[in-house]
Amino acid sequence: RARTLEVRELEYIAAAQTFVGTPVALLRAHPQWILGLLLPAAVLWGLLGGVISRGASIEFALGTSAPWSKCMGQALSRWQSLAMATLGPLLLAAIVLAVLPVFGKLLDVRGVQYVAGALYVVPLLLSFLAAGLVIVFLLSLPMLVAGVMSEGGEALEAVQRAFAYVLAQPARLAGALLVLSVLGVALLALTAMLTQLS
């Protein structure tokens, strides 16, 4: 039995490595294709998250469960806002990062290189801005779809509210993430235990 448990643990580790390693390998080998999948992935994420968010908000507010078909219809009617809420901040960060090579090219232009060298702090600040934007986006990602579907706002409004919440109450957000992490680990441990007992 101990050998069986060891084999299952190795299988879990291999599955986790595949789950994480495969996307990383694909991103390194074919970055253009992975980036091209961002749009359909954002739309799919927004639709599925929109259905869940809408159903949960109706159940919480009214105490009744909404049909999934109705929630799906509402999510489909707002797919553009859902996609922009989940993809817009990344596009903005990509635009900011796309400006950085321009400063590098200016250093090779005679006469302009001195001005570009004096303004070296600008690409540095842009890099920090892009990094901060991505970090805040990742922290606020679970709230973006809910901001569109539950509050009825557009993509820009949802992003502003989610970002403001992350920046205004980081301690509360960290506590919520900690609770979710503990629950996730407990759920995984329970699943592994039940699998081993079966």
C-alpha atoms as a PDB file:
ATOM      1  CA  ARG A   1       0.000   0.000   0.000  1.00  0.00           C
ATOM      2  CA  ALA A   2       2.899   2.349   0.766  1.00  0.00           C
ATOM      3  CA  ARG A   3       4.249   1.784  -2.732  1.00  0.00           C
ATOM      4  CA  THR A   4       0.835   2.594  -4.201  1.00  0.00           C
ATOM      5  CA  LEU A   5       0.688   5.853  -2.257  1.00  0.00           C
ATOM      6  CA  GLU A   6       4.199   6.743  -3.420  1.00  0.00           C
ATOM      7  CA  VAL A   7       3.256   6.094  -7.049  1.00  0.00           C
ATOM      8  CA  ARG A   8       0.156   8.268  -6.715  1.00  0.00           C
ATOM      9  CA  GLU A   9       2.177  11.076  -5.155  1.00  0.00           C
ATOM     10  CA  LEU A  10       4.609  10.900  -8.082  1.00  0.00           C
ATOM     11  CA  GLU A  11       1.667  11.026 -10.481  1.00  0.00           C
ATOM     12  CA  TYR A  12       0.327  14.161  -8.746  1.00  0.00           C
ATOM     13  CA  ILE A  13       3.751  15.811  -8.977  1.00  0.00           C
ATOM     14  CA  ALA A  14       4.076  14.899 -12.658  1.00  0.00           C
ATOM     15  CA  ALA A  15       0.593  16.248 -13.367  1.00  0.00           C
ATOM     16  CA  ALA A  16       1.394  19.519 -11.577  1.00  0.00           C
ATOM     17  CA  GLN A  17       4.663  19.877 -13.497  1.00  0.00           C
ATOM     18  CA  THR A  18       2.843  19.257 -16.774  1.00  0.00           C
ATOM     19  CA  PHE A  19       0.112  21.743 -15.853  1.00  0.00           C
ATOM     20  CA  VAL A  20       2.675  24.460 -15.158  1.00  0.00           C
ATOM     21  CA  GLY A  21       5.482  23.456 -17.507  1.00  0.00           C
ATOM     22  CA  THR A  22       3.480  23.009 -20.689  1.00  0.00           C
ATOM     23  CA  PRO A  23       2.215  26.610 -20.944  1.00  0.00           C
ATOM     24  CA  VAL A  24       5.692  27.932 -20.100  1.00  0.00           C
ATOM     25  CA  ALA A  25       7.293  25.746 -22.790  1.00  0.00           C
ATOM     26  CA  LEU A  26       4.696  26.828 -25.344  1.00  0.00           C
ATOM     27  CA  LEU A  27       5.245  30.479 -24.467  1.00  0.00           C
ATOM     28  CA  ARG A  28       8.987  30.134 -24.974  1.00  0.00           C
ATOM     29  CA  ALA A  29       8.715  28.152 -28.203  1.00  0.00           C
ATOM     30  CA  HIS A  30       5.822  30.035 -29.836  1.00  0.00           C
ATOM     31  CA  PRO A  31       5.254  33.400 -28.097  1.00  0.00           C
ATOM     32  CA  GLN A  32       3.310  34.836 -31.038  1.00  0.00           C
ATOM     33  CA  TRP A  33       0.724  32.056 -30.914  1.00  0.00           C
ATOM     34  CA  ILE A  34       0.301  32.303 -27.145  1.00  0.00           C
ATOM     35  CA  LEU A  35      -0.165  36.056 -27.357  1.00  0.00           C
ATOM     36  CA  GLY A  36      -2.667  35.514 -30.164  1.00  0.00           C
ATOM     37  CA  LEU A  37      -4.705  33.297 -27.849  1.00  0.00           C
ATOM     38  CA  LEU A  38      -5.047  36.033 -25.253  1.00  0.00           C
ATOM     39  CA  LEU A  39      -8.121  37.525 -26.897  1.00  0.00           C
ATOM     40  CA  PRO A  40     -10.216  34.314 -27.124  1.00  0.00           C
ATOM     41  CA  ALA A  41      -8.984  33.317 -23.653  1.00  0.00           C
ATOM     42  CA  ALA A  42     -10.081  36.683 -22.258  1.00  0.00           C
ATOM     43  CA  VAL A  43     -13.487  36.348 -23.925  1.00  0.00           C
ATOM     44  CA  LEU A  44     -13.934  32.809 -22.578  1.00  0.00           C
ATOM     45  CA  TRP A  45     -12.758  33.827 -19.098  1.00  0.00           C
ATOM     46  CA  GLY A  46     -15.145  36.759 -19.142  1.00  0.00           C
ATOM     47  CA  LEU A  47     -18.128  34.713 -20.309  1.00  0.00           C
ATOM     48  CA  LEU A  48     -17.692  31.887 -17.823  1.00  0.00           C
ATOM     49  CA  GLY A  49     -16.868  34.255 -14.992  1.00  0.00           C
ATOM     50  CA  GLY A  50     -19.780  36.460 -15.993  1.00  0.00           C
ATOM     51  CA  VAL A  51     -22.237  33.576 -15.777  1.00  0.00           C
ATOM     52  CA  ILE A  52     -20.960  32.620 -12.327  1.00  0.00           C
ATOM     53  CA  SER A  53     -20.876  36.220 -11.076  1.00  0.00           C
ATOM     54  CA  ARG A  54     -24.365  37.014 -12.324  1.00  0.00           C
ATOM     55  CA  GLY A  55     -25.854  33.863 -10.851  1.00  0.00           C
ATOM     56  CA  ALA A  56     -24.126  34.382  -7.507  1.00  0.00           C
ATOM     57  CA  SER A  57     -25.167  38.039  -7.267  1.00  0.00           C
ATOM     58  CA  ILE A  58     -28.819  37.220  -8.021  1.00  0.00           C
ATOM     59  CA  GLU A  59     -28.831  34.392  -5.497  1.00  0.00           C
ATOM     60  CA  PHE A  60     -27.222  36.603  -2.847  1.00  0.00           C
ATOM     61  CA  ALA A  61     -29.487  39.597  -3.459  1.00  0.00           C
ATOM     62  CA  LEU A  62     -32.823  37.880  -4.067  1.00  0.00           C
ATOM     63  CA  GLY A  63     -32.333  34.511  -2.394  1.00  0.00           C
ATOM     64  CA  THR A  64     -33.324  32.647  -5.557  1.00  0.00           C
ATOM     65  CA  SER A  65     -31.185  30.883  -8.117  1.00  0.00           C
ATOM     66  CA  ALA A  66     -31.221  32.250 -11.641  1.00  0.00           C
ATOM     67  CA  PRO A  67     -31.358  29.877 -14.637  1.00  0.00           C
ATOM     68  CA  TRP A  68     -27.942  29.402 -16.179  1.00  0.00           C
ATOM     69  CA  SER A  69     -29.368  30.118 -19.631  1.00  0.00           C
ATOM     70  CA  LYS A  70     -30.482  33.583 -18.499  1.00  0.00           C
ATOM     71  CA  CYS A  71     -27.091  34.272 -16.911  1.00  0.00           C
ATOM     72  CA  MET A  72     -25.351  33.088 -20.082  1.00  0.00           C
ATOM     73  CA  GLY A  73     -27.533  35.345 -22.215  1.00  0.00           C
ATOM     74  CA  GLN A  74     -26.662  38.350 -20.072  1.00  0.00           C
ATOM     75  CA  ALA A  75     -22.970  37.479 -20.221  1.00  0.00           C
ATOM     76  CA  LEU A  76     -23.111  37.102 -24.007  1.00  0.00           C
ATOM     77  CA  SER A  77     -24.790  40.500 -24.322  1.00  0.00           C
ATOM     78  CA  ARG A  78     -21.838  42.073 -22.487  1.00  0.00           C
ATOM     79  CA  TRP A  79     -18.984  40.006 -23.895  1.00  0.00           C
ATOM     80  CA  GLN A  80     -17.141  43.060 -25.198  1.00  0.00           C
ATOM     81  CA  SER A  81     -17.040  44.724 -21.784  1.00  0.00           C
ATOM     82  CA  LEU A  82     -16.051  41.434 -20.155  1.00  0.00           C
ATOM     83  CA  ALA A  83     -13.219  40.900 -22.641  1.00  0.00           C
ATOM     84  CA  MET A  84     -11.913  44.449 -22.303  1.00  0.00           C
ATOM     85  CA  ALA A  85     -12.059  44.274 -18.516  1.00  0.00           C
ATOM     86  CA  THR A  86      -9.861  41.176 -18.506  1.00  0.00           C
ATOM     87  CA  LEU A  87      -7.626  42.130 -21.430  1.00  0.00           C
ATOM     88  CA  GLY A  88      -7.513  45.937 -21.348  1.00  0.00           C
ATOM     89  CA  PRO A  89      -4.926  46.365 -18.560  1.00  0.00           C
ATOM     90  CA  LEU A  90      -2.587  43.875 -20.249  1.00  0.00           C
ATOM     91  CA  LEU A  91      -2.918  45.717 -23.557  1.00  0.00           C
ATOM     92  CA  LEU A  92      -2.092  48.984 -21.803  1.00  0.00           C
ATOM     93  CA  ALA A  93       0.986  47.414 -20.202  1.00  0.00           C
ATOM     94  CA  ALA A  94       2.039  46.046 -23.601  1.00  0.00           C
ATOM     95  CA  ILE A  95       1.708  49.508 -25.161  1.00  0.00           C
ATOM     96  CA  VAL A  96       3.839  51.004 -22.387  1.00  0.00           C
ATOM     97  CA  LEU A  97       6.509  48.334 -22.869  1.00  0.00           C
ATOM     98  CA  ALA A  98       6.425  48.838 -26.653  1.00  0.00           C
ATOM     99  CA  VAL A  99       7.634  52.409 -26.137  1.00  0.00           C
ATOM    100  CA  LEU A 100      10.828  51.262 -24.407  1.00  0.00           C
ATOM    101  CA  PRO A 101      12.681  50.064 -27.555  1.00  0.00           C
ATOM    102  CA  VAL A 102      12.122  53.511 -29.057  1.00  0.00           C
ATOM    103  CA  PHE A 103      14.331  55.044 -26.386  1.00  0.00           C
ATOM    104  CA  GLY A 104      16.964  52.406 -27.113  1.00  0.00           C
ATOM    105  CA  LYS A 105      16.947  53.275 -30.806  1.00  0.00           C
ATOM    106  CA  LEU A 106      17.278  56.973 -30.003  1.00  0.00           C
ATOM    107  CA  LEU A 107      20.589  56.265 -28.304  1.00  0.00           C
ATOM    108  CA  ASP A 108      21.987  55.257 -31.706  1.00  0.00           C
ATOM    109  CA  VAL A 109      20.915  58.474 -33.424  1.00  0.00           C
ATOM    110  CA  ARG A 110      23.649  61.106 -33.532  1.00  0.00           C
ATOM    111  CA  GLY A 111      22.644  64.388 -31.995  1.00  0.00           C
ATOM    112  CA  VAL A 112      19.645  62.888 -30.257  1.00  0.00           C
ATOM    113  CA  GLN A 113      21.549  60.347 -28.196  1.00  0.00           C
ATOM    114  CA  TYR A 114      22.581  62.921 -25.615  1.00  0.00           C
ATOM    115  CA  VAL A 115      19.006  64.007 -25.015  1.00  0.00           C
ATOM    116  CA  ALA A 116      17.887  60.362 -24.877  1.00  0.00           C
ATOM    117  CA  GLY A 117      20.682  59.589 -22.419  1.00  0.00           C
ATOM    118  CA  ALA A 118      19.608  62.486 -20.208  1.00  0.00           C
ATOM    119  CA  LEU A 119      16.048  61.133 -20.239  1.00  0.00           C
ATOM    120  CA  TYR A 120      17.060  57.578 -19.303  1.00  0.00           C
ATOM    121  CA  VAL A 121      14.819  57.846 -16.252  1.00  0.00           C
ATOM    122  CA  VAL A 122      11.721  57.887 -18.509  1.00  0.00           C
ATOM    123  CA  PRO A 123      11.993  54.249 -19.705  1.00  0.00           C
ATOM    124  CA  LEU A 124      12.868  53.259 -16.144  1.00  0.00           C
ATOM    125  CA  LEU A 125       9.659  54.826 -14.866  1.00  0.00           C
ATOM    126  CA  LEU A 126       7.691  53.260 -17.711  1.00  0.00           C
ATOM    127  CA  SER A 127       9.067  49.829 -16.776  1.00  0.00           C
ATOM    128  CA  PHE A 128       7.988  50.292 -13.160  1.00  0.00           C
ATOM    129  CA  LEU A 129       4.584  51.496 -14.367  1.00  0.00           C
ATOM    130  CA  ALA A 130       4.077  48.425 -16.561  1.00  0.00           C
ATOM    131  CA  ALA A 131       5.202  46.056 -13.800  1.00  0.00           C
ATOM    132  CA  GLY A 132       2.920  47.708 -11.253  1.00  0.00           C
ATOM    133  CA  LEU A 133       0.028  47.624 -13.695  1.00  0.00           C
ATOM    134  CA  VAL A 134       0.443  43.886 -14.267  1.00  0.00           C
ATOM    135  CA  ILE A 135       0.741  43.175 -10.520  1.00  0.00           C
ATOM    136  CA  VAL A 136      -2.390  45.160  -9.646  1.00  0.00           C
ATOM    137  CA  PHE A 137      -4.190  43.552 -12.590  1.00  0.00           C
ATOM    138  CA  LEU A 138      -3.381  40.044 -11.351  1.00  0.00           C
ATOM    139  CA  LEU A 139      -4.547  40.908  -7.830  1.00  0.00           C
ATOM    140  CA  SER A 140      -7.776  42.463  -9.064  1.00  0.00           C
ATOM    141  CA  LEU A 141      -8.513  39.886 -11.779  1.00  0.00           C
ATOM    142  CA  PRO A 142     -11.210  38.004  -9.810  1.00  0.00           C
ATOM    143  CA  MET A 143     -13.093  41.288  -9.265  1.00  0.00           C
ATOM    144  CA  LEU A 144     -13.031  42.577 -12.843  1.00  0.00           C
ATOM    145  CA  VAL A 145     -15.705  40.277 -14.251  1.00  0.00           C
ATOM    146  CA  ALA A 146     -17.886  40.709 -11.166  1.00  0.00           C
ATOM    147  CA  GLY A 147     -17.596  44.471 -11.567  1.00  0.00           C
ATOM    148  CA  VAL A 148     -19.080  44.248 -15.057  1.00  0.00           C
ATOM    149  CA  MET A 149     -21.825  41.700 -14.373  1.00  0.00           C
ATOM    150  CA  SER A 150     -22.865  42.518 -10.809  1.00  0.00           C
ATOM    151  CA  GLU A 151     -22.576  46.295 -10.789  1.00  0.00           C
ATOM    152  CA  GLY A 152     -23.654  46.827 -14.388  1.00  0.00           C
ATOM    153  CA  GLY A 153     -20.665  48.997 -15.252  1.00  0.00           C
ATOM    154  CA  GLU A 154     -18.558  49.104 -18.369  1.00  0.00           C
ATOM    155  CA  ALA A 155     -15.035  47.713 -18.627  1.00  0.00           C
ATOM    156  CA  LEU A 156     -13.334  50.977 -17.655  1.00  0.00           C
ATOM    157  CA  GLU A 157     -15.545  51.420 -14.596  1.00  0.00           C
ATOM    158  CA  ALA A 158     -14.928  47.842 -13.475  1.00  0.00           C
ATOM    159  CA  VAL A 159     -11.153  48.233 -13.858  1.00  0.00           C
ATOM    160  CA  GLN A 160     -11.157  51.543 -11.966  1.00  0.00           C
ATOM    161  CA  ARG A 161     -13.170  50.119  -9.067  1.00  0.00           C
ATOM    162  CA  ALA A 162     -11.141  46.918  -8.831  1.00  0.00           C
ATOM    163  CA  PHE A 163      -7.814  48.753  -9.006  1.00  0.00           C
ATOM    164  CA  ALA A 164      -9.003  51.293  -6.431  1.00  0.00           C
ATOM    165  CA  TYR A 165      -9.995  48.490  -4.065  1.00  0.00           C
ATOM    166  CA  VAL A 166      -6.615  46.789  -4.422  1.00  0.00           C
ATOM    167  CA  LEU A 167      -4.699  50.007  -3.828  1.00  0.00           C
ATOM    168  CA  ALA A 168      -6.953  51.325  -1.044  1.00  0.00           C
ATOM    169  CA  GLN A 169      -7.291  48.144   1.028  1.00  0.00           C
ATOM    170  CA  PRO A 170      -4.269  45.908   0.398  1.00  0.00           C
ATOM    171  CA  ALA A 171      -4.355  44.404   3.902  1.00  0.00           C
ATOM    172  CA  ARG A 172      -7.969  43.308   3.568  1.00  0.00           C
ATOM    173  CA  LEU A 173      -7.283  41.873   0.129  1.00  0.00           C
ATOM    174  CA  ALA A 174      -4.238  40.021   1.443  1.00  0.00           C
ATOM    175  CA  GLY A 175      -6.374  38.540   4.223  1.00  0.00           C
ATOM    176  CA  ALA A 176      -9.001  37.383   1.714  1.00  0.00           C
ATOM    177  CA  LEU A 177      -6.321  35.830  -0.511  1.00  0.00           C
ATOM    178  CA  LEU A 178      -4.827  34.085   2.524  1.00  0.00           C
ATOM    179  CA  VAL A 179      -8.202  32.606   3.472  1.00  0.00           C
ATOM    180  CA  LEU A 180      -8.780  31.443  -0.107  1.00  0.00           C
ATOM    181  CA  SER A 181      -5.292  29.905  -0.233  1.00  0.00           C
ATOM    182  CA  VAL A 182      -5.854  28.007   3.012  1.00  0.00           C
ATOM    183  CA  LEU A 183      -9.233  26.747   1.758  1.00  0.00           C
ATOM    184  CA  GLY A 184      -7.670  25.717  -1.551  1.00  0.00           C
ATOM    185  CA  VAL A 185      -4.874  23.799   0.156  1.00  0.00           C
ATOM    186  CA  ALA A 186      -7.375  22.127   2.502  1.00  0.00           C
ATOM    187  CA  LEU A 187      -9.574  21.148  -0.446  1.00  0.00           C
ATOM    188  CA  LEU A 188      -6.597  19.688  -2.317  1.00  0.00           C
ATOM    189  CA  ALA A 189      -5.513  17.761   0.775  1.00  0.00           C
ATOM    190  CA  LEU A 190      -9.031  16.401   1.243  1.00  0.00           C
ATOM    191  CA  THR A 191      -9.216  15.387  -2.409  1.00  0.00           C
ATOM    192  CA  ALA A 192      -5.856  13.631  -2.177  1.00  0.00           C
ATOM    193  CA  MET A 193      -6.941  11.853   0.997  1.00  0.00           C
ATOM    194  CA  LEU A 194     -10.188  10.648  -0.531  1.00  0.00           C
ATOM    195  CA  THR A 195      -8.332   9.516  -3.636  1.00  0.00           C
ATOM    196  CA  GLN A 196      -5.874   7.495  -1.586  1.00  0.00           C
ATOM    197  CA  LEU A 197      -8.661   5.869   0.418  1.00  0.00           C
ATOM    198  CA  SER A 198     -10.549   4.816  -2.709  1.00  0.00           C
END
